[in-house]
Amino acid sequence: MTQGYSELAIDHFEHPRNKGVIEQPDGVGVDMNPVCGDLLTITLRVVDGRIVDAKQEVKGCNGAEAASSVLTELVIGRTVDEAETFTHQQILDALGGLPASKFHSASLAALALRKAVAYYRKKQAG
């Protein structure tokens, strides 16, 4: 079922980037869509306020797989401040869009990232 997906989105869900979990991460964000059951975990490695690695582990639909995959590519190399402001629309734009029924996948990825950044900030504050 690839109707409505861009070629880039299809590539991301068929060949997801940055799969897995970072051991002893600096940031962890977990979010779940209670309607469809998609579950996403984002882990971050941060050095001097810049994200040097990001991993994603998703249990969900093709849209969630594509959104979480492209998100990791978007945030690696960015500052924590830049990552914190990512929106679901930026994720959709980076993928060339998703079917309307899968827009929630981009929101899930953005929320999990915000939670990972919040975890990082809390950890830094002691």
N, C-alpha and C. Protein backbone atom coordinates (compact mmCIF):
# COMPACT_ATOMS: atom_id res chain seq x y z
N MET A 1 0.84 -1.19 0.00
CA MET A 1 0.00 0.00 0.00
C MET A 1 0.88 1.25 0.00
N THR A 2 1.22 1.70 -1.18
CA THR A 2 2.07 2.87 -1.28
C THR A 2 1.37 4.05 -1.93
N GLN A 3 0.08 3.93 -2.17
CA GLN A 3 -0.66 5.01 -2.81
C GLN A 3 -0.63 6.27 -1.95
N GLY A 4 -0.25 7.38 -2.56
CA GLY A 4 -0.21 8.64 -1.85
C GLY A 4 1.12 8.96 -1.19
N TYR A 5 2.05 8.00 -1.21
CA TYR A 5 3.38 8.23 -0.63
C TYR A 5 4.33 8.75 -1.71
N SER A 6 5.19 9.69 -1.35
CA SER A 6 6.22 10.15 -2.29
C SER A 6 7.27 9.05 -2.44
N GLU A 7 8.07 9.14 -3.48
CA GLU A 7 9.15 8.17 -3.67
C GLU A 7 10.12 8.20 -2.49
N LEU A 8 10.39 9.39 -1.97
CA LEU A 8 11.30 9.51 -0.83
C LEU A 8 10.71 8.84 0.42
N ALA A 9 9.43 9.04 0.66
CA ALA A 9 8.78 8.40 1.81
C ALA A 9 8.84 6.88 1.67
N ILE A 10 8.58 6.38 0.47
CA ILE A 10 8.65 4.93 0.24
C ILE A 10 10.06 4.43 0.51
N ASP A 11 11.06 5.16 0.04
CA ASP A 11 12.45 4.77 0.29
C ASP A 11 12.75 4.72 1.80
N HIS A 12 12.23 5.70 2.54
CA HIS A 12 12.48 5.73 3.98
C HIS A 12 11.79 4.59 4.72
N PHE A 13 10.58 4.18 4.32
CA PHE A 13 9.97 3.07 5.05
C PHE A 13 10.45 1.72 4.55
N GLU A 14 10.95 1.66 3.32
CA GLU A 14 11.52 0.39 2.85
C GLU A 14 12.96 0.21 3.32
N HIS A 15 13.66 1.33 3.50
CA HIS A 15 15.07 1.31 3.93
C HIS A 15 15.28 2.33 5.04
N PRO A 16 14.71 2.09 6.22
CA PRO A 16 14.78 3.09 7.30
C PRO A 16 16.21 3.37 7.74
N ARG A 17 16.47 4.64 7.98
CA ARG A 17 17.78 5.09 8.42
C ARG A 17 17.82 5.13 9.95
N ASN A 18 19.04 4.92 10.47
CA ASN A 18 19.32 5.11 11.90
C ASN A 18 18.39 4.29 12.79
N LYS A 19 18.18 3.03 12.43
CA LYS A 19 17.35 2.12 13.24
C LYS A 19 18.13 1.73 14.49
N GLY A 20 17.40 1.54 15.56
CA GLY A 20 18.01 1.04 16.79
C GLY A 20 17.90 2.03 17.93
N VAL A 21 18.69 1.76 18.95
CA VAL A 21 18.69 2.56 20.17
C VAL A 21 20.13 2.85 20.55
N ILE A 22 20.43 4.08 20.89
CA ILE A 22 21.76 4.46 21.37
C ILE A 22 21.91 3.98 22.80
N GLU A 23 22.99 3.27 23.08
CA GLU A 23 23.28 2.85 24.45
C GLU A 23 23.69 4.06 25.27
N GLN A 24 23.18 4.18 26.46
CA GLN A 24 23.45 5.30 27.36
C GLN A 24 23.27 6.64 26.63
N PRO A 25 22.05 6.90 26.14
CA PRO A 25 21.79 8.12 25.37
C PRO A 25 21.76 9.36 26.25
N ASP A 26 21.96 10.49 25.60
CA ASP A 26 21.83 11.78 26.29
C ASP A 26 20.38 12.25 26.30
N GLY A 27 19.61 11.78 25.35
CA GLY A 27 18.20 12.12 25.27
C GLY A 27 17.38 10.93 24.84
N VAL A 28 16.21 10.77 25.45
CA VAL A 28 15.29 9.70 25.10
C VAL A 28 13.88 10.28 25.03
N GLY A 29 13.21 9.99 23.94
CA GLY A 29 11.82 10.41 23.79
C GLY A 29 10.98 9.26 23.30
N VAL A 30 9.90 8.97 24.01
CA VAL A 30 8.99 7.90 23.63
C VAL A 30 7.60 8.50 23.51
N ASP A 31 6.93 8.20 22.40
CA ASP A 31 5.57 8.66 22.25
C ASP A 31 4.77 7.60 21.53
N MET A 32 3.47 7.58 21.82
CA MET A 32 2.58 6.60 21.22
C MET A 32 1.31 7.28 20.77
N ASN A 33 0.83 6.87 19.63
CA ASN A 33 -0.47 7.34 19.16
C ASN A 33 -1.51 6.38 19.70
N PRO A 34 -2.36 6.83 20.64
CA PRO A 34 -3.31 5.93 21.27
C PRO A 34 -4.40 5.43 20.32
N VAL A 35 -4.60 6.11 19.21
CA VAL A 35 -5.64 5.71 18.27
C VAL A 35 -5.19 4.51 17.43
N CYS A 36 -3.99 4.62 16.83
CA CYS A 36 -3.53 3.56 15.93
C CYS A 36 -2.53 2.62 16.58
N GLY A 37 -1.94 3.04 17.71
CA GLY A 37 -1.01 2.17 18.41
C GLY A 37 0.44 2.31 17.99
N ASP A 38 0.75 3.22 17.05
CA ASP A 38 2.14 3.44 16.66
C ASP A 38 2.95 3.85 17.90
N LEU A 39 4.12 3.25 18.06
CA LEU A 39 5.00 3.53 19.20
C LEU A 39 6.38 3.89 18.66
N LEU A 40 6.91 5.03 19.08
CA LEU A 40 8.20 5.51 18.60
C LEU A 40 9.11 5.87 19.76
N THR A 41 10.35 5.40 19.67
CA THR A 41 11.40 5.78 20.60
C THR A 41 12.51 6.46 19.81
N ILE A 42 12.88 7.66 20.24
CA ILE A 42 14.00 8.41 19.66
C ILE A 42 15.08 8.51 20.73
N THR A 43 16.31 8.18 20.39
CA THR A 43 17.43 8.37 21.31
C THR A 43 18.46 9.28 20.64
N LEU A 44 19.08 10.12 21.46
CA LEU A 44 20.04 11.12 20.97
C LEU A 44 21.37 11.03 21.69
N ARG A 45 22.43 11.32 20.95
CA ARG A 45 23.75 11.55 21.52
C ARG A 45 24.07 13.00 21.23
N VAL A 46 24.41 13.75 22.28
CA VAL A 46 24.66 15.19 22.16
C VAL A 46 26.07 15.50 22.65
N VAL A 47 26.81 16.26 21.85
CA VAL A 47 28.15 16.71 22.23
C VAL A 47 28.19 18.23 22.03
N ASP A 48 28.52 18.93 23.10
CA ASP A 48 28.62 20.40 23.07
C ASP A 48 27.36 21.05 22.48
N GLY A 49 26.20 20.54 22.88
CA GLY A 49 24.94 21.13 22.47
C GLY A 49 24.50 20.79 21.05
N ARG A 50 25.23 19.89 20.39
CA ARG A 50 24.89 19.50 19.01
C ARG A 50 24.60 18.00 18.97
N ILE A 51 23.57 17.63 18.24
CA ILE A 51 23.19 16.22 18.11
C ILE A 51 24.16 15.57 17.13
N VAL A 52 24.93 14.61 17.63
CA VAL A 52 25.91 13.93 16.78
C VAL A 52 25.41 12.55 16.32
N ASP A 53 24.37 12.04 16.98
CA ASP A 53 23.76 10.79 16.55
C ASP A 53 22.32 10.76 17.02
N ALA A 54 21.48 10.14 16.21
CA ALA A 54 20.07 9.96 16.55
C ALA A 54 19.64 8.60 16.02
N LYS A 55 18.93 7.86 16.83
CA LYS A 55 18.42 6.55 16.42
C LYS A 55 16.92 6.53 16.66
N GLN A 56 16.25 5.68 15.89
CA GLN A 56 14.81 5.56 16.03
C GLN A 56 14.43 4.09 16.02
N GLU A 57 13.45 3.80 16.82
CA GLU A 57 12.88 2.45 16.85
C GLU A 57 11.37 2.63 16.86
N VAL A 58 10.72 2.14 15.82
CA VAL A 58 9.29 2.35 15.68
C VAL A 58 8.57 1.02 15.50
N LYS A 59 7.44 0.93 16.14
CA LYS A 59 6.52 -0.17 15.91
C LYS A 59 5.24 0.49 15.42
N GLY A 60 5.05 0.43 14.10
CA GLY A 60 3.89 1.12 13.56
C GLY A 60 3.82 1.01 12.06
N CYS A 61 3.06 1.90 11.48
CA CYS A 61 2.75 1.88 10.06
C CYS A 61 3.91 2.41 9.22
N ASN A 62 3.74 2.32 7.90
CA ASN A 62 4.74 2.83 6.97
C ASN A 62 4.99 4.32 7.17
N GLY A 63 3.95 5.07 7.45
CA GLY A 63 4.11 6.50 7.67
C GLY A 63 4.98 6.81 8.87
N ALA A 64 4.77 6.06 9.95
CA ALA A 64 5.58 6.26 11.16
C ALA A 64 7.03 5.89 10.91
N GLU A 65 7.25 4.82 10.16
CA GLU A 65 8.61 4.40 9.82
C GLU A 65 9.32 5.47 8.99
N ALA A 66 8.62 6.00 7.98
CA ALA A 66 9.22 7.02 7.12
C ALA A 66 9.50 8.31 7.90
N ALA A 67 8.54 8.75 8.71
CA ALA A 67 8.69 10.00 9.45
C ALA A 67 9.82 9.92 10.46
N SER A 68 9.92 8.81 11.18
CA SER A 68 10.98 8.69 12.18
C SER A 68 12.35 8.56 11.52
N SER A 69 12.40 7.88 10.38
CA SER A 69 13.65 7.74 9.65
C SER A 69 14.17 9.09 9.15
N VAL A 70 13.31 9.85 8.48
CA VAL A 70 13.75 11.15 7.96
C VAL A 70 14.06 12.11 9.10
N LEU A 71 13.34 12.01 10.20
CA LEU A 71 13.61 12.88 11.34
C LEU A 71 15.05 12.72 11.84
N THR A 72 15.51 11.48 11.94
CA THR A 72 16.88 11.28 12.43
C THR A 72 17.89 11.93 11.49
N GLU A 73 17.64 11.84 10.20
CA GLU A 73 18.55 12.48 9.25
C GLU A 73 18.52 14.00 9.39
N LEU A 74 17.34 14.55 9.66
CA LEU A 74 17.20 16.00 9.79
C LEU A 74 17.90 16.55 11.02
N VAL A 75 17.91 15.80 12.12
CA VAL A 75 18.43 16.37 13.37
C VAL A 75 19.92 16.13 13.59
N ILE A 76 20.48 15.11 12.97
CA ILE A 76 21.92 14.88 13.17
C ILE A 76 22.69 16.08 12.60
N GLY A 77 23.53 16.65 13.45
CA GLY A 77 24.30 17.83 13.08
C GLY A 77 23.68 19.14 13.53
N ARG A 78 22.42 19.08 13.95
CA ARG A 78 21.73 20.29 14.42
C ARG A 78 22.00 20.51 15.91
N THR A 79 21.80 21.75 16.35
CA THR A 79 21.90 22.01 17.77
C THR A 79 20.63 21.51 18.45
N VAL A 80 20.69 21.34 19.74
CA VAL A 80 19.52 20.94 20.51
C VAL A 80 18.42 21.99 20.37
N ASP A 81 18.80 23.26 20.38
CA ASP A 81 17.81 24.33 20.22
C ASP A 81 17.10 24.23 18.87
N GLU A 82 17.85 23.94 17.81
CA GLU A 82 17.25 23.79 16.48
C GLU A 82 16.31 22.59 16.45
N ALA A 83 16.75 21.48 17.02
CA ALA A 83 15.94 20.25 17.02
C ALA A 83 14.64 20.43 17.78
N GLU A 84 14.70 21.21 18.84
CA GLU A 84 13.53 21.41 19.69
C GLU A 84 12.39 22.11 18.94
N THR A 85 12.72 22.83 17.90
CA THR A 85 11.70 23.60 17.19
C THR A 85 11.14 22.87 15.96
N PHE A 86 11.60 21.64 15.69
CA PHE A 86 11.10 20.90 14.54
C PHE A 86 9.60 20.68 14.67
N THR A 87 8.91 20.84 13.56
CA THR A 87 7.47 20.65 13.54
C THR A 87 7.10 19.46 12.65
N HIS A 88 5.88 19.01 12.82
CA HIS A 88 5.41 17.91 11.97
C HIS A 88 5.39 18.34 10.50
N GLN A 89 5.16 19.61 10.24
CA GLN A 89 5.13 20.09 8.86
C GLN A 89 6.51 19.99 8.22
N GLN A 90 7.56 20.28 8.97
CA GLN A 90 8.92 20.15 8.43
C GLN A 90 9.22 18.69 8.07
N ILE A 91 8.73 17.78 8.87
CA ILE A 91 8.93 16.35 8.60
C ILE A 91 8.16 15.96 7.34
N LEU A 92 6.91 16.41 7.25
CA LEU A 92 6.11 16.14 6.05
C LEU A 92 6.79 16.72 4.81
N ASP A 93 7.27 17.95 4.91
CA ASP A 93 7.93 18.59 3.78
C ASP A 93 9.20 17.82 3.37
N ALA A 94 9.97 17.37 4.36
CA ALA A 94 11.21 16.64 4.07
C ALA A 94 10.93 15.33 3.34
N LEU A 95 9.77 14.74 3.61
CA LEU A 95 9.39 13.49 2.96
C LEU A 95 8.71 13.71 1.61
N GLY A 96 8.41 14.94 1.29
CA GLY A 96 7.62 15.20 0.09
C GLY A 96 6.15 14.87 0.31
N GLY A 97 5.76 14.89 1.58
CA GLY A 97 4.37 14.63 1.95
C GLY A 97 4.11 13.18 2.32
N LEU A 98 2.97 12.98 2.93
CA LEU A 98 2.44 11.65 3.27
C LEU A 98 0.96 11.68 2.94
N PRO A 99 0.33 10.54 2.78
CA PRO A 99 -1.13 10.54 2.63
C PRO A 99 -1.77 11.21 3.84
N ALA A 100 -2.88 11.89 3.63
CA ALA A 100 -3.54 12.61 4.72
C ALA A 100 -3.82 11.72 5.91
N SER A 101 -4.12 10.46 5.68
CA SER A 101 -4.41 9.54 6.78
C SER A 101 -3.17 9.20 7.60
N LYS A 102 -2.00 9.63 7.15
CA LYS A 102 -0.74 9.33 7.85
C LYS A 102 -0.06 10.57 8.42
N PHE A 103 -0.72 11.73 8.36
CA PHE A 103 -0.14 12.95 8.92
C PHE A 103 0.22 12.78 10.39
N HIS A 104 -0.55 11.96 11.10
CA HIS A 104 -0.28 11.72 12.52
C HIS A 104 1.12 11.15 12.73
N SER A 105 1.67 10.49 11.74
CA SER A 105 3.01 9.91 11.85
C SER A 105 4.07 11.00 12.03
N ALA A 106 3.92 12.10 11.31
CA ALA A 106 4.86 13.21 11.44
C ALA A 106 4.71 13.88 12.80
N SER A 107 3.48 13.97 13.29
CA SER A 107 3.25 14.54 14.63
C SER A 107 3.89 13.66 15.70
N LEU A 108 3.75 12.35 15.55
CA LEU A 108 4.35 11.41 16.50
C LEU A 108 5.86 11.61 16.56
N ALA A 109 6.50 11.73 15.40
CA ALA A 109 7.96 11.92 15.35
C ALA A 109 8.37 13.24 16.00
N ALA A 110 7.64 14.31 15.71
CA ALA A 110 7.96 15.62 16.29
C ALA A 110 7.81 15.59 17.81
N LEU A 111 6.76 14.95 18.30
CA LEU A 111 6.54 14.88 19.76
C LEU A 111 7.61 14.03 20.45
N ALA A 112 7.99 12.91 19.84
CA ALA A 112 9.04 12.08 20.43
C ALA A 112 10.36 12.83 20.48
N LEU A 113 10.65 13.60 19.45
CA LEU A 113 11.88 14.41 19.44
C LEU A 113 11.84 15.45 20.55
N ARG A 114 10.71 16.13 20.72
CA ARG A 114 10.59 17.13 21.80
C ARG A 114 10.82 16.48 23.17
N LYS A 115 10.29 15.28 23.34
CA LYS A 115 10.49 14.58 24.61
C LYS A 115 11.95 14.20 24.81
N ALA A 116 12.64 13.82 23.73
CA ALA A 116 14.06 13.48 23.84
C ALA A 116 14.88 14.71 24.22
N VAL A 117 14.54 15.86 23.65
CA VAL A 117 15.24 17.11 23.99
C VAL A 117 14.95 17.50 25.43
N ALA A 118 13.70 17.35 25.87
CA ALA A 118 13.34 17.67 27.26
C ALA A 118 14.10 16.77 28.23
N TYR A 119 14.22 15.50 27.90
CA TYR A 119 14.99 14.55 28.71
C TYR A 119 16.44 15.01 28.80
N TYR A 120 17.01 15.39 27.66
CA TYR A 120 18.39 15.87 27.62
C TYR A 120 18.56 17.10 28.51
N ARG A 121 17.65 18.05 28.39
CA ARG A 121 17.76 19.28 29.19
C ARG A 121 17.63 18.99 30.69
N LYS A 122 16.74 18.10 31.04
CA LYS A 122 16.55 17.73 32.45
C LYS A 122 17.81 17.04 32.98
N LYS A 123 18.39 16.18 32.17
CA LYS A 123 19.61 15.47 32.56
C LYS A 123 20.77 16.46 32.74
N GLN A 124 20.86 17.45 31.86
CA GLN A 124 21.93 18.46 31.96
C GLN A 124 21.76 19.34 33.19
N ALA A 125 20.51 19.58 33.58
CA ALA A 125 20.23 20.42 34.75
C ALA A 125 20.52 19.68 36.05
N GLY A 126 20.68 18.38 35.97
CA GLY A 126 21.01 17.59 37.15
C GLY A 126 19.78 17.13 37.83
